[in-house]
Structure formats: structure tokens, C-alpha cells
Amino acid sequence: MSHYIMIRRLRGPAYLLLVGALALLNQADILSWGKSWPLFLILAGVLLLAERAALATDGGIPQGPYPGQLFGSQYPNANPVAPSGSNFESSPQVQQTENSASAQAYAQDPGKDPEGGQS
């Protein structure tokens, strides 16, 4: 596993540990929640620097199946041809007209008035 992916996976647990440590500090009246927001920015910056350092040492973004990878490279044939005899094979598209069943059911609804009010 590359170092970049490992750092990306540790981002959530790092924030969770920071929230837990801040909860303990708040309980001990050492640091309040309102004054702890810079610590979240510092943690975000440290994690971004670690990711960039890992990318520089590993030689770029790793190629392989990991969360966030595009589907195009994973599935080269995105639109496969349906096998013969299947229901998906060149079925004609149904066009709705004014006389369709849903339009007739809406027109026959007794609660709808043509002027927009209720009868």
C-alpha cells in the first residue's frame, strides 16, 4: 500500500482523536471548544503536507483500485452490447401522447378543475 493512500485513510481517525483530546481538555477546563478551532486547521495543514510529501516520494498518484478512482479506467467497456435474445436489444421507445393512460387518468380526476381550483 502506498504512503499516500495510508495517509488519506488516517484522516478521519486523526480528526476523531483530536475531537476526543479537545473534549478531555474542555472537561478539565484547560481549553474551551470555542478557542480550539485553530487546532483543526493545523491538523488539516499537517495532513496535506504529509500527503504531498508521500506523493513526492512515491512518484505521483498511485494507480490501482482505491476509493475515488474513476470508473472509466476500471471498466474499459462502459456500454457493452446486449446479448442477442435479451429484452434490452433495440427496443422501440414508447412516446407519450395526449391520449395516454396517465393523461386520461389526470383528466378524469374529479378533484381537479381545469381552471386550477378545486370543484
PDB file of N, CA and C in Angstrom:
ATOM      1  N   MET A   1       0.855  -1.168   0.000  1.00  0.00           N
ATOM      2  CA  MET A   1       0.000   0.000   0.000  1.00  0.00           C
ATOM      3  C   MET A   1       0.902   1.231   0.000  1.00  0.00           C
ATOM      4  N   SER A   2       0.541   2.225  -0.791  1.00  0.00           N
ATOM      5  CA  SER A   2       1.375   3.421  -0.863  1.00  0.00           C
ATOM      6  C   SER A   2       1.161   4.291   0.376  1.00  0.00           C
ATOM      7  N   HIS A   3       2.122   5.132   0.630  1.00  0.00           N
ATOM      8  CA  HIS A   3       2.052   6.020   1.789  1.00  0.00           C
ATOM      9  C   HIS A   3       0.935   7.045   1.629  1.00  0.00           C
ATOM     10  N   TYR A   4       0.686   7.467   0.391  1.00  0.00           N
ATOM     11  CA  TYR A   4      -0.366   8.446   0.126  1.00  0.00           C
ATOM     12  C   TYR A   4      -1.735   7.905   0.542  1.00  0.00           C
ATOM     13  N   ILE A   5      -2.020   6.675   0.157  1.00  0.00           N
ATOM     14  CA  ILE A   5      -3.316   6.078   0.490  1.00  0.00           C
ATOM     15  C   ILE A   5      -3.438   5.873   1.995  1.00  0.00           C
ATOM     16  N   MET A   6      -2.325   5.493   2.633  1.00  0.00           N
ATOM     17  CA  MET A   6      -2.359   5.289   4.073  1.00  0.00           C
ATOM     18  C   MET A   6      -2.681   6.603   4.804  1.00  0.00           C
ATOM     19  N   ILE A   7      -2.085   7.705   4.366  1.00  0.00           N
ATOM     20  CA  ILE A   7      -2.352   8.995   4.997  1.00  0.00           C
ATOM     21  C   ILE A   7      -3.791   9.424   4.749  1.00  0.00           C
ATOM     22  N   ARG A   8      -4.308   9.174   3.546  1.00  0.00           N
ATOM     23  CA  ARG A   8      -5.702   9.516   3.252  1.00  0.00           C
ATOM     24  C   ARG A   8      -6.662   8.726   4.133  1.00  0.00           C
ATOM     25  N   ARG A   9      -6.341   7.486   4.418  1.00  0.00           N
ATOM     26  CA  ARG A   9      -7.205   6.653   5.256  1.00  0.00           C
ATOM     27  C   ARG A   9      -7.120   7.030   6.732  1.00  0.00           C
ATOM     28  N   LEU A  10      -6.040   7.659   7.135  1.00  0.00           N
ATOM     29  CA  LEU A  10      -5.885   8.059   8.530  1.00  0.00           C
ATOM     30  C   LEU A  10      -6.454   9.435   8.824  1.00  0.00           C
ATOM     31  N   ARG A  11      -6.991  10.122   7.833  1.00  0.00           N
ATOM     32  CA  ARG A  11      -7.516  11.475   8.033  1.00  0.00           C
ATOM     33  C   ARG A  11      -8.701  11.477   9.004  1.00  0.00           C
ATOM     34  N   GLY A  12      -9.666  10.613   8.819  1.00  0.00           N
ATOM     35  CA  GLY A  12     -10.837  10.546   9.703  1.00  0.00           C
ATOM     36  C   GLY A  12     -10.480  10.199  11.137  1.00  0.00           C
ATOM     37  N   PRO A  13      -9.691   9.138  11.336  1.00  0.00           N
ATOM     38  CA  PRO A  13      -9.293   8.828  12.708  1.00  0.00           C
ATOM     39  C   PRO A  13      -8.479   9.941  13.373  1.00  0.00           C
ATOM     40  N   ALA A  14      -7.700  10.692  12.606  1.00  0.00           N
ATOM     41  CA  ALA A  14      -6.927  11.792  13.193  1.00  0.00           C
ATOM     42  C   ALA A  14      -7.862  12.880  13.717  1.00  0.00           C
ATOM     43  N   TYR A  15      -8.901  13.207  12.944  1.00  0.00           N
ATOM     44  CA  TYR A  15      -9.873  14.201  13.404  1.00  0.00           C
ATOM     45  C   TYR A  15     -10.646  13.687  14.625  1.00  0.00           C
ATOM     46  N   LEU A  16     -10.949  12.405  14.628  1.00  0.00           N
ATOM     47  CA  LEU A  16     -11.668  11.827  15.766  1.00  0.00           C
ATOM     48  C   LEU A  16     -10.814  11.872  17.040  1.00  0.00           C
ATOM     49  N   LEU A  17      -9.537  11.598  16.911  1.00  0.00           N
ATOM     50  CA  LEU A  17      -8.640  11.707  18.062  1.00  0.00           C
ATOM     51  C   LEU A  17      -8.527  13.146  18.547  1.00  0.00           C
ATOM     52  N   LEU A  18      -8.503  14.088  17.609  1.00  0.00           N
ATOM     53  CA  LEU A  18      -8.430  15.493  18.002  1.00  0.00           C
ATOM     54  C   LEU A  18      -9.691  15.916  18.755  1.00  0.00           C
ATOM     55  N   VAL A  19     -10.846  15.486  18.296  1.00  0.00           N
ATOM     56  CA  VAL A  19     -12.096  15.820  18.990  1.00  0.00           C
ATOM     57  C   VAL A  19     -12.102  15.202  20.383  1.00  0.00           C
ATOM     58  N   GLY A  20     -11.627  13.976  20.519  1.00  0.00           N
ATOM     59  CA  GLY A  20     -11.559  13.343  21.834  1.00  0.00           C
ATOM     60  C   GLY A  20     -10.612  14.059  22.776  1.00  0.00           C
ATOM     61  N   ALA A  21      -9.447  14.463  22.266  1.00  0.00           N
ATOM     62  CA  ALA A  21      -8.496  15.194  23.105  1.00  0.00           C
ATOM     63  C   ALA A  21      -9.056  16.553  23.512  1.00  0.00           C
ATOM     64  N   LEU A  22      -9.752  17.207  22.592  1.00  0.00           N
ATOM     65  CA  LEU A  22     -10.354  18.503  22.914  1.00  0.00           C
ATOM     66  C   LEU A  22     -11.489  18.358  23.916  1.00  0.00           C
ATOM     67  N   ALA A  23     -12.220  17.250  23.852  1.00  0.00           N
ATOM     68  CA  ALA A  23     -13.274  17.014  24.836  1.00  0.00           C
ATOM     69  C   ALA A  23     -12.683  16.841  26.236  1.00  0.00           C
ATOM     70  N   LEU A  24     -11.556  16.130  26.314  1.00  0.00           N
ATOM     71  CA  LEU A  24     -10.884  15.976  27.618  1.00  0.00           C
ATOM     72  C   LEU A  24     -10.360  17.313  28.134  1.00  0.00           C
ATOM     73  N   LEU A  25      -9.776  18.115  27.240  1.00  0.00           N
ATOM     74  CA  LEU A  25      -9.264  19.429  27.650  1.00  0.00           C
ATOM     75  C   LEU A  25     -10.395  20.360  28.065  1.00  0.00           C
ATOM     76  N   ASN A  26     -11.527  20.244  27.420  1.00  0.00           N
ATOM     77  CA  ASN A  26     -12.681  21.064  27.778  1.00  0.00           C
ATOM     78  C   ASN A  26     -13.231  20.631  29.138  1.00  0.00           C
ATOM     79  N   GLN A  27     -13.264  19.336  29.375  1.00  0.00           N
ATOM     80  CA  GLN A  27     -13.763  18.821  30.650  1.00  0.00           C
ATOM     81  C   GLN A  27     -12.876  19.258  31.815  1.00  0.00           C
ATOM     82  N   ALA A  28     -11.575  19.365  31.554  1.00  0.00           N
ATOM     83  CA  ALA A  28     -10.633  19.766  32.601  1.00  0.00           C
ATOM     84  C   ALA A  28     -10.498  21.287  32.691  1.00  0.00           C
ATOM     85  N   ASP A  29     -11.284  22.023  31.953  1.00  0.00           N
ATOM     86  CA  ASP A  29     -11.256  23.491  31.920  1.00  0.00           C
ATOM     87  C   ASP A  29      -9.887  24.039  31.530  1.00  0.00           C
ATOM     88  N   ILE A  30      -9.225  23.362  30.622  1.00  0.00           N
ATOM     89  CA  ILE A  30      -7.933  23.831  30.126  1.00  0.00           C
ATOM     90  C   ILE A  30      -8.117  24.603  28.825  1.00  0.00           C
ATOM     91  N   LEU A  31      -8.949  24.083  27.915  1.00  0.00           N
ATOM     92  CA  LEU A  31      -9.184  24.713  26.615  1.00  0.00           C
ATOM     93  C   LEU A  31     -10.650  24.550  26.260  1.00  0.00           C
ATOM     94  N   SER A  32     -11.318  25.643  25.937  1.00  0.00           N
ATOM     95  CA  SER A  32     -12.744  25.558  25.600  1.00  0.00           C
ATOM     96  C   SER A  32     -12.911  25.226  24.121  1.00  0.00           C
ATOM     97  N   TRP A  33     -14.116  24.776  23.758  1.00  0.00           N
ATOM     98  CA  TRP A  33     -14.412  24.424  22.368  1.00  0.00           C
ATOM     99  C   TRP A  33     -14.315  25.641  21.460  1.00  0.00           C
ATOM    100  N   GLY A  34     -14.708  26.793  21.952  1.00  0.00           N
ATOM    101  CA  GLY A  34     -14.702  27.996  21.121  1.00  0.00           C
ATOM    102  C   GLY A  34     -13.316  28.456  20.729  1.00  0.00           C
ATOM    103  N   LYS A  35     -12.307  28.096  21.510  1.00  0.00           N
ATOM    104  CA  LYS A  35     -10.945  28.525  21.213  1.00  0.00           C
ATOM    105  C   LYS A  35     -10.086  27.414  20.612  1.00  0.00           C
ATOM    106  N   SER A  36     -10.711  26.309  20.248  1.00  0.00           N
ATOM    107  CA  SER A  36      -9.931  25.181  19.742  1.00  0.00           C
ATOM    108  C   SER A  36      -9.986  25.039  18.228  1.00  0.00           C
ATOM    109  N   TRP A  37     -10.678  25.925  17.524  1.00  0.00           N
ATOM    110  CA  TRP A  37     -10.800  25.777  16.073  1.00  0.00           C
ATOM    111  C   TRP A  37      -9.471  25.877  15.334  1.00  0.00           C
ATOM    112  N   PRO A  38      -8.455  26.618  15.808  1.00  0.00           N
ATOM    113  CA  PRO A  38      -7.186  26.615  15.068  1.00  0.00           C
ATOM    114  C   PRO A  38      -6.513  25.242  15.035  1.00  0.00           C
ATOM    115  N   LEU A  39      -6.787  24.412  16.016  1.00  0.00           N
ATOM    116  CA  LEU A  39      -6.180  23.077  16.019  1.00  0.00           C
ATOM    117  C   LEU A  39      -6.680  22.233  14.846  1.00  0.00           C
ATOM    118  N   PHE A  40      -7.942  22.423  14.446  1.00  0.00           N
ATOM    119  CA  PHE A  40      -8.466  21.701  13.283  1.00  0.00           C
ATOM    120  C   PHE A  40      -7.768  22.166  12.006  1.00  0.00           C
ATOM    121  N   LEU A  41      -7.514  23.469  11.891  1.00  0.00           N
ATOM    122  CA  LEU A  41      -6.799  23.987  10.722  1.00  0.00           C
ATOM    123  C   LEU A  41      -5.356  23.488  10.696  1.00  0.00           C
ATOM    124  N   ILE A  42      -4.722  23.440  11.850  1.00  0.00           N
ATOM    125  CA  ILE A  42      -3.347  22.937  11.922  1.00  0.00           C
ATOM    126  C   ILE A  42      -3.291  21.469  11.523  1.00  0.00           C
ATOM    127  N   LEU A  43      -4.245  20.665  12.003  1.00  0.00           N
ATOM    128  CA  LEU A  43      -4.270  19.245  11.654  1.00  0.00           C
ATOM    129  C   LEU A  43      -4.497  19.063  10.157  1.00  0.00           C
ATOM    130  N   ALA A  44      -5.391  19.871   9.579  1.00  0.00           N
ATOM    131  CA  ALA A  44      -5.642  19.772   8.136  1.00  0.00           C
ATOM    132  C   ALA A  44      -4.375  20.113   7.352  1.00  0.00           C
ATOM    133  N   GLY A  45      -3.656  21.136   7.770  1.00  0.00           N
ATOM    134  CA  GLY A  45      -2.421  21.509   7.086  1.00  0.00           C
ATOM    135  C   GLY A  45      -1.342  20.454   7.203  1.00  0.00           C
ATOM    136  N   VAL A  46      -1.203  19.869   8.375  1.00  0.00           N
ATOM    137  CA  VAL A  46      -0.198  18.822   8.575  1.00  0.00           C
ATOM    138  C   VAL A  46      -0.517  17.603   7.711  1.00  0.00           C
ATOM    139  N   LEU A  47      -1.792  17.247   7.644  1.00  0.00           N
ATOM    140  CA  LEU A  47      -2.168  16.096   6.815  1.00  0.00           C
ATOM    141  C   LEU A  47      -1.946  16.369   5.333  1.00  0.00           C
ATOM    142  N   LEU A  48      -2.230  17.589   4.880  1.00  0.00           N
ATOM    143  CA  LEU A  48      -1.987  17.925   3.476  1.00  0.00           C
ATOM    144  C   LEU A  48      -0.499  17.911   3.153  1.00  0.00           C
ATOM    145  N   LEU A  49       0.320  18.434   4.059  1.00  0.00           N
ATOM    146  CA  LEU A  49       1.772  18.379   3.841  1.00  0.00           C
ATOM    147  C   LEU A  49       2.270  16.941   3.798  1.00  0.00           C
ATOM    148  N   ALA A  50       1.739  16.088   4.663  1.00  0.00           N
ATOM    149  CA  ALA A  50       2.150  14.682   4.667  1.00  0.00           C
ATOM    150  C   ALA A  50       1.727  13.988   3.368  1.00  0.00           C
ATOM    151  N   GLU A  51       0.545  14.315   2.852  1.00  0.00           N
ATOM    152  CA  GLU A  51       0.104  13.729   1.586  1.00  0.00           C
ATOM    153  C   GLU A  51       0.997  14.160   0.436  1.00  0.00           C
ATOM    154  N   ARG A  52       1.353  15.440   0.393  1.00  0.00           N
ATOM    155  CA  ARG A  52       2.225  15.921  -0.681  1.00  0.00           C
ATOM    156  C   ARG A  52       3.616  15.315  -0.591  1.00  0.00           C
ATOM    157  N   ALA A  53       4.121  15.153   0.622  1.00  0.00           N
ATOM    158  CA  ALA A  53       5.430  14.522   0.782  1.00  0.00           C
ATOM    159  C   ALA A  53       5.379  13.062   0.337  1.00  0.00           C
ATOM    160  N   ALA A  54       4.286  12.377   0.638  1.00  0.00           N
ATOM    161  CA  ALA A  54       4.147  10.976   0.223  1.00  0.00           C
ATOM    162  C   ALA A  54       4.037  10.879  -1.298  1.00  0.00           C
ATOM    163  N   LEU A  55       3.337  11.822  -1.925  1.00  0.00           N
ATOM    164  CA  LEU A  55       3.241  11.819  -3.384  1.00  0.00           C
ATOM    165  C   LEU A  55       4.601  12.080  -4.017  1.00  0.00           C
ATOM    166  N   ALA A  56       5.387  12.966  -3.415  1.00  0.00           N
ATOM    167  CA  ALA A  56       6.701  13.283  -3.976  1.00  0.00           C
ATOM    168  C   ALA A  56       7.646  12.098  -3.870  1.00  0.00           C
ATOM    169  N   THR A  57       7.588  11.365  -2.778  1.00  0.00           N
ATOM    170  CA  THR A  57       8.499  10.229  -2.612  1.00  0.00           C
ATOM    171  C   THR A  57       8.033   9.000  -3.388  1.00  0.00           C
ATOM    172  N   ASP A  58       6.711   8.821  -3.540  1.00  0.00           N
ATOM    173  CA  ASP A  58       6.194   7.654  -4.260  1.00  0.00           C
ATOM    174  C   ASP A  58       6.179   7.846  -5.762  1.00  0.00           C
ATOM    175  N   GLY A  59       6.292   9.074  -6.230  1.00  0.00           N
ATOM    176  CA  GLY A  59       6.327   9.305  -7.673  1.00  0.00           C
ATOM    177  C   GLY A  59       4.975   9.581  -8.287  1.00  0.00           C
ATOM    178  N   GLY A  60       4.062  10.168  -7.582  1.00  0.00           N
ATOM    179  CA  GLY A  60       2.767  10.530  -8.154  1.00  0.00           C
ATOM    180  C   GLY A  60       1.633   9.744  -7.535  1.00  0.00           C
ATOM    181  N   ILE A  61       0.441  10.021  -8.033  1.00  0.00           N
ATOM    182  CA  ILE A  61      -0.759   9.364  -7.525  1.00  0.00           C
ATOM    183  C   ILE A  61      -0.724   7.896  -7.926  1.00  0.00           C
ATOM    184  N   PRO A  62      -0.907   6.984  -6.987  1.00  0.00           N
ATOM    185  CA  PRO A  62      -0.839   5.553  -7.311  1.00  0.00           C
ATOM    186  C   PRO A  62      -1.992   5.129  -8.211  1.00  0.00           C
ATOM    187  N   GLN A  63      -1.712   4.215  -9.102  1.00  0.00           N
ATOM    188  CA  GLN A  63      -2.731   3.677  -9.989  1.00  0.00           C
ATOM    189  C   GLN A  63      -3.187   2.339  -9.431  1.00  0.00           C
ATOM    190  N   GLY A  64      -4.469   2.209  -9.251  1.00  0.00           N
ATOM    191  CA  GLY A  64      -4.998   0.956  -8.724  1.00  0.00           C
ATOM    192  C   GLY A  64      -6.365   1.176  -8.134  1.00  0.00           C
ATOM    193  N   PRO A  65      -7.040   0.102  -7.798  1.00  0.00           N
ATOM    194  CA  PRO A  65      -8.386   0.245  -7.254  1.00  0.00           C
ATOM    195  C   PRO A  65      -8.365   0.756  -5.820  1.00  0.00           C
ATOM    196  N   TYR A  66      -8.728   1.983  -5.630  1.00  0.00           N
ATOM    197  CA  TYR A  66      -8.865   2.562  -4.311  1.00  0.00           C
ATOM    198  C   TYR A  66     -10.044   3.519  -4.351  1.00  0.00           C
ATOM    199  N   PRO A  67     -10.611   3.907  -3.223  1.00  0.00           N
ATOM    200  CA  PRO A  67     -11.769   4.799  -3.224  1.00  0.00           C
ATOM    201  C   PRO A  67     -11.458   6.113  -3.920  1.00  0.00           C
ATOM    202  N   GLY A  68     -12.351   6.499  -4.812  1.00  0.00           N
ATOM    203  CA  GLY A  68     -12.182   7.746  -5.536  1.00  0.00           C
ATOM    204  C   GLY A  68     -11.659   7.557  -6.943  1.00  0.00           C
ATOM    205  N   GLN A  69     -11.350   6.337  -7.342  1.00  0.00           N
ATOM    206  CA  GLN A  69     -10.854   6.105  -8.690  1.00  0.00           C
ATOM    207  C   GLN A  69     -12.007   6.200  -9.673  1.00  0.00           C
ATOM    208  N   LEU A  70     -11.724   6.756 -10.839  1.00  0.00           N
ATOM    209  CA  LEU A  70     -12.759   6.916 -11.849  1.00  0.00           C
ATOM    210  C   LEU A  70     -13.175   5.567 -12.404  1.00  0.00           C
ATOM    211  N   PHE A  71     -14.439   5.485 -12.815  1.00  0.00           N
ATOM    212  CA  PHE A  71     -14.950   4.228 -13.346  1.00  0.00           C
ATOM    213  C   PHE A  71     -14.411   3.942 -14.738  1.00  0.00           C
ATOM    214  N   GLY A  72     -14.033   4.981 -15.482  1.00  0.00           N
ATOM    215  CA  GLY A  72     -13.580   4.791 -16.853  1.00  0.00           C
ATOM    216  C   GLY A  72     -12.382   3.882 -16.960  1.00  0.00           C
ATOM    217  N   SER A  73     -11.422   4.022 -16.053  1.00  0.00           N
ATOM    218  CA  SER A  73     -10.236   3.184 -16.128  1.00  0.00           C
ATOM    219  C   SER A  73     -10.491   1.798 -15.541  1.00  0.00           C
ATOM    220  N   GLN A  74     -11.470   1.687 -14.657  1.00  0.00           N
ATOM    221  CA  GLN A  74     -11.744   0.398 -14.048  1.00  0.00           C
ATOM    222  C   GLN A  74     -12.622  -0.463 -14.963  1.00  0.00           C
ATOM    223  N   TYR A  75     -13.522   0.152 -15.690  1.00  0.00           N
ATOM    224  CA  TYR A  75     -14.418  -0.558 -16.598  1.00  0.00           C
ATOM    225  C   TYR A  75     -14.216  -0.005 -18.003  1.00  0.00           C
ATOM    226  N   PRO A  76     -13.307  -0.587 -18.791  1.00  0.00           N
ATOM    227  CA  PRO A  76     -12.999  -0.020 -20.099  1.00  0.00           C
ATOM    228  C   PRO A  76     -14.176  -0.071 -21.074  1.00  0.00           C
ATOM    229  N   ASN A  77     -15.043  -1.066 -20.982  1.00  0.00           N
ATOM    230  CA  ASN A  77     -16.173  -1.174 -21.896  1.00  0.00           C
ATOM    231  C   ASN A  77     -17.425  -0.762 -21.137  1.00  0.00           C
ATOM    232  N   ALA A  78     -17.678   0.544 -21.059  1.00  0.00           N
ATOM    233  CA  ALA A  78     -18.770   1.059 -20.238  1.00  0.00           C
ATOM    234  C   ALA A  78     -20.136   0.757 -20.837  1.00  0.00           C
ATOM    235  N   ASN A  79     -20.248   0.658 -22.150  1.00  0.00           N
ATOM    236  CA  ASN A  79     -21.525   0.404 -22.809  1.00  0.00           C
ATOM    237  C   ASN A  79     -21.457  -0.908 -23.574  1.00  0.00           C
ATOM    238  N   PRO A  80     -21.550  -2.028 -22.889  1.00  0.00           N
ATOM    239  CA  PRO A  80     -21.463  -3.305 -23.591  1.00  0.00           C
ATOM    240  C   PRO A  80     -22.704  -3.563 -24.432  1.00  0.00           C
ATOM    241  N   VAL A  81     -22.531  -4.299 -25.480  1.00  0.00           N
ATOM    242  CA  VAL A  81     -23.640  -4.664 -26.352  1.00  0.00           C
ATOM    243  C   VAL A  81     -24.419  -5.785 -25.675  1.00  0.00           C
ATOM    244  N   ALA A  82     -25.750  -5.656 -25.658  1.00  0.00           N
ATOM    245  CA  ALA A  82     -26.582  -6.670 -25.021  1.00  0.00           C
ATOM    246  C   ALA A  82     -26.541  -7.954 -25.834  1.00  0.00           C
ATOM    247  N   PRO A  83     -26.522  -9.087 -25.172  1.00  0.00           N
ATOM    248  CA  PRO A  83     -26.514 -10.346 -25.911  1.00  0.00           C
ATOM    249  C   PRO A  83     -27.810 -10.529 -26.684  1.00  0.00           C
ATOM    250  N   SER A  84     -27.730 -11.263 -27.764  1.00  0.00           N
ATOM    251  CA  SER A  84     -28.916 -11.460 -28.603  1.00  0.00           C
ATOM    252  C   SER A  84     -29.971 -12.229 -27.836  1.00  0.00           C
ATOM    253  N   GLY A  85     -31.215 -11.864 -28.047  1.00  0.00           N
ATOM    254  CA  GLY A  85     -32.312 -12.523 -27.378  1.00  0.00           C
ATOM    255  C   GLY A  85     -32.703 -11.875 -26.068  1.00  0.00           C
ATOM    256  N   SER A  86     -32.007 -10.828 -25.653  1.00  0.00           N
ATOM    257  CA  SER A  86     -32.352 -10.183 -24.398  1.00  0.00           C
ATOM    258  C   SER A  86     -33.408  -9.113 -24.626  1.00  0.00           C
ATOM    259  N   ASN A  87     -34.017  -8.665 -23.563  1.00  0.00           N
ATOM    260  CA  ASN A  87     -35.066  -7.659 -23.658  1.00  0.00           C
ATOM    261  C   ASN A  87     -34.514  -6.263 -23.896  1.00  0.00           C
ATOM    262  N   PHE A  88     -33.211  -6.077 -23.725  1.00  0.00           N
ATOM    263  CA  PHE A  88     -32.611  -4.761 -23.867  1.00  0.00           C
ATOM    264  C   PHE A  88     -32.177  -4.460 -25.290  1.00  0.00           C
ATOM    265  N   GLU A  89     -32.419  -5.361 -26.183  1.00  0.00           N
ATOM    266  CA  GLU A  89     -31.896  -5.263 -27.524  1.00  0.00           C
ATOM    267  C   GLU A  89     -32.825  -4.410 -28.394  1.00  0.00           C
ATOM    268  N   SER A  90     -32.391  -3.260 -28.765  1.00  0.00           N
ATOM    269  CA  SER A  90     -33.072  -2.326 -29.671  1.00  0.00           C
ATOM    270  C   SER A  90     -34.592  -2.311 -29.485  1.00  0.00           C
ATOM    271  N   SER A  91     -35.035  -2.049 -28.266  1.00  0.00           N
ATOM    272  CA  SER A  91     -36.469  -1.958 -28.026  1.00  0.00           C
ATOM    273  C   SER A  91     -36.953  -0.572 -28.421  1.00  0.00           C
ATOM    274  N   PRO A  92     -38.087  -0.474 -29.091  1.00  0.00           N
ATOM    275  CA  PRO A  92     -38.586   0.833 -29.503  1.00  0.00           C
ATOM    276  C   PRO A  92     -39.003   1.649 -28.282  1.00  0.00           C
ATOM    277  N   GLN A  93     -38.725   2.931 -28.323  1.00  0.00           N
ATOM    278  CA  GLN A  93     -39.071   3.792 -27.214  1.00  0.00           C
ATOM    279  C   GLN A  93     -40.541   4.170 -27.291  1.00  0.00           C
ATOM    280  N   VAL A  94     -41.194   4.155 -26.149  1.00  0.00           N
ATOM    281  CA  VAL A  94     -42.609   4.478 -26.063  1.00  0.00           C
ATOM    282  C   VAL A  94     -42.745   5.980 -25.962  1.00  0.00           C
ATOM    283  N   GLN A  95     -43.533   6.570 -26.861  1.00  0.00           N
ATOM    284  CA  GLN A  95     -43.751   8.002 -26.833  1.00  0.00           C
ATOM    285  C   GLN A  95     -45.099   8.272 -26.190  1.00  0.00           C
ATOM    286  N   GLN A  96     -45.113   9.205 -25.243  1.00  0.00           N
ATOM    287  CA  GLN A  96     -46.363   9.544 -24.592  1.00  0.00           C
ATOM    288  C   GLN A  96     -47.082  10.593 -25.425  1.00  0.00           C
ATOM    289  N   THR A  97     -48.359  10.385 -25.568  1.00  0.00           N
ATOM    290  CA  THR A  97     -49.180  11.330 -26.323  1.00  0.00           C
ATOM    291  C   THR A  97     -50.257  11.870 -25.410  1.00  0.00           C
ATOM    292  N   GLU A  98     -51.082  12.741 -25.942  1.00  0.00           N
ATOM    293  CA  GLU A  98     -52.178  13.323 -25.172  1.00  0.00           C
ATOM    294  C   GLU A  98     -53.180  12.259 -24.744  1.00  0.00           C
ATOM    295  N   ASN A  99     -53.280  11.158 -25.482  1.00  0.00           N
ATOM    296  CA  ASN A  99     -54.272  10.126 -25.189  1.00  0.00           C
ATOM    297  C   ASN A  99     -53.695   8.976 -24.368  1.00  0.00           C
ATOM    298  N   SER A 100     -52.582   9.196 -23.708  1.00  0.00           N
ATOM    299  CA  SER A 100     -52.001   8.111 -22.916  1.00  0.00           C
ATOM    300  C   SER A 100     -52.855   7.868 -21.674  1.00  0.00           C
ATOM    301  N   ALA A 101     -52.615   6.760 -21.033  1.00  0.00           N
ATOM    302  CA  ALA A 101     -53.423   6.374 -19.878  1.00  0.00           C
ATOM    303  C   ALA A 101     -53.241   7.348 -18.724  1.00  0.00           C
ATOM    304  N   SER A 102     -52.023   7.842 -18.512  1.00  0.00           N
ATOM    305  CA  SER A 102     -51.806   8.761 -17.395  1.00  0.00           C
ATOM    306  C   SER A 102     -52.487  10.101 -17.649  1.00  0.00           C
ATOM    307  N   ALA A 103     -52.489  10.561 -18.899  1.00  0.00           N
ATOM    308  CA  ALA A 103     -53.154  11.828 -19.211  1.00  0.00           C
ATOM    309  C   ALA A 103     -54.662  11.685 -19.052  1.00  0.00           C
ATOM    310  N   GLN A 104     -55.209  10.534 -19.429  1.00  0.00           N
ATOM    311  CA  GLN A 104     -56.647  10.322 -19.274  1.00  0.00           C
ATOM    312  C   GLN A 104     -57.018  10.218 -17.805  1.00  0.00           C
ATOM    313  N   ALA A 105     -56.187   9.566 -17.006  1.00  0.00           N
ATOM    314  CA  ALA A 105     -56.481   9.429 -15.583  1.00  0.00           C
ATOM    315  C   ALA A 105     -56.432  10.790 -14.910  1.00  0.00           C
ATOM    316  N   TYR A 106     -55.521  11.671 -15.325  1.00  0.00           N
ATOM    317  CA  TYR A 106     -55.431  13.011 -14.744  1.00  0.00           C
ATOM    318  C   TYR A 106     -56.648  13.838 -15.157  1.00  0.00           C
ATOM    319  N   ALA A 107     -57.069  13.685 -16.387  1.00  0.00           N
ATOM    320  CA  ALA A 107     -58.210  14.466 -16.871  1.00  0.00           C
ATOM    321  C   ALA A 107     -59.504  14.023 -16.210  1.00  0.00           C
ATOM    322  N   GLN A 108     -59.609  12.747 -15.824  1.00  0.00           N
ATOM    323  CA  GLN A 108     -60.828  12.242 -15.219  1.00  0.00           C
ATOM    324  C   GLN A 108     -60.825  12.363 -13.706  1.00  0.00           C
ATOM    325  N   ASP A 109     -59.791  12.949 -13.113  1.00  0.00           N
ATOM    326  CA  ASP A 109     -59.712  13.103 -11.670  1.00  0.00           C
ATOM    327  C   ASP A 109     -60.780  14.106 -11.228  1.00  0.00           C
ATOM    328  N   PRO A 110     -61.712  13.701 -10.380  1.00  0.00           N
ATOM    329  CA  PRO A 110     -62.796  14.611 -10.012  1.00  0.00           C
ATOM    330  C   PRO A 110     -62.335  15.777  -9.137  1.00  0.00           C
ATOM    331  N   GLY A 111     -61.149  15.678  -8.497  1.00  0.00           N
ATOM    332  CA  GLY A 111     -60.689  16.753  -7.629  1.00  0.00           C
ATOM    333  C   GLY A 111     -59.978  17.854  -8.377  1.00  0.00           C
ATOM    334  N   LYS A 112     -59.741  17.699  -9.672  1.00  0.00           N
ATOM    335  CA  LYS A 112     -59.015  18.702 -10.443  1.00  0.00           C
ATOM    336  C   LYS A 112     -59.970  19.488 -11.309  1.00  0.00           C
ATOM    337  N   ASP A 113     -59.863  20.778 -11.242  1.00  0.00           N
ATOM    338  CA  ASP A 113     -60.682  21.682 -12.039  1.00  0.00           C
ATOM    339  C   ASP A 113     -59.810  22.248 -13.150  1.00  0.00           C
ATOM    340  N   PRO A 114     -60.311  22.400 -14.378  1.00  0.00           N
ATOM    341  CA  PRO A 114     -59.480  22.925 -15.468  1.00  0.00           C
ATOM    342  C   PRO A 114     -58.920  24.324 -15.177  1.00  0.00           C
ATOM    343  N   GLU A 115     -59.588  25.128 -14.354  1.00  0.00           N
ATOM    344  CA  GLU A 115     -59.104  26.460 -14.071  1.00  0.00           C
ATOM    345  C   GLU A 115     -58.062  26.466 -12.950  1.00  0.00           C
ATOM    346  N   GLY A 116     -57.764  25.331 -12.342  1.00  0.00           N
ATOM    347  CA  GLY A 116     -56.734  25.251 -11.326  1.00  0.00           C
ATOM    348  C   GLY A 116     -57.274  25.167  -9.919  1.00  0.00           C
ATOM    349  N   GLY A 117     -58.535  25.436  -9.697  1.00  0.00           N
ATOM    350  CA  GLY A 117     -59.111  25.355  -8.354  1.00  0.00           C
ATOM    351  C   GLY A 117     -59.757  24.006  -8.139  1.00  0.00           C
ATOM    352  N   GLN A 118     -60.284  23.811  -6.970  1.00  0.00           N
ATOM    353  CA  GLN A 118     -60.977  22.556  -6.706  1.00  0.00           C
ATOM    354  C   GLN A 118     -62.465  22.763  -6.938  1.00  0.00           C
ATOM    355  N   SER A 119     -63.136  21.716  -7.343  1.00  0.00           N
ATOM    356  CA  SER A 119     -64.554  21.834  -7.642  1.00  0.00           C
ATOM    357  C   SER A 119     -65.402  21.730  -6.400  1.00  0.00           C
TER     358      SER A 119
END
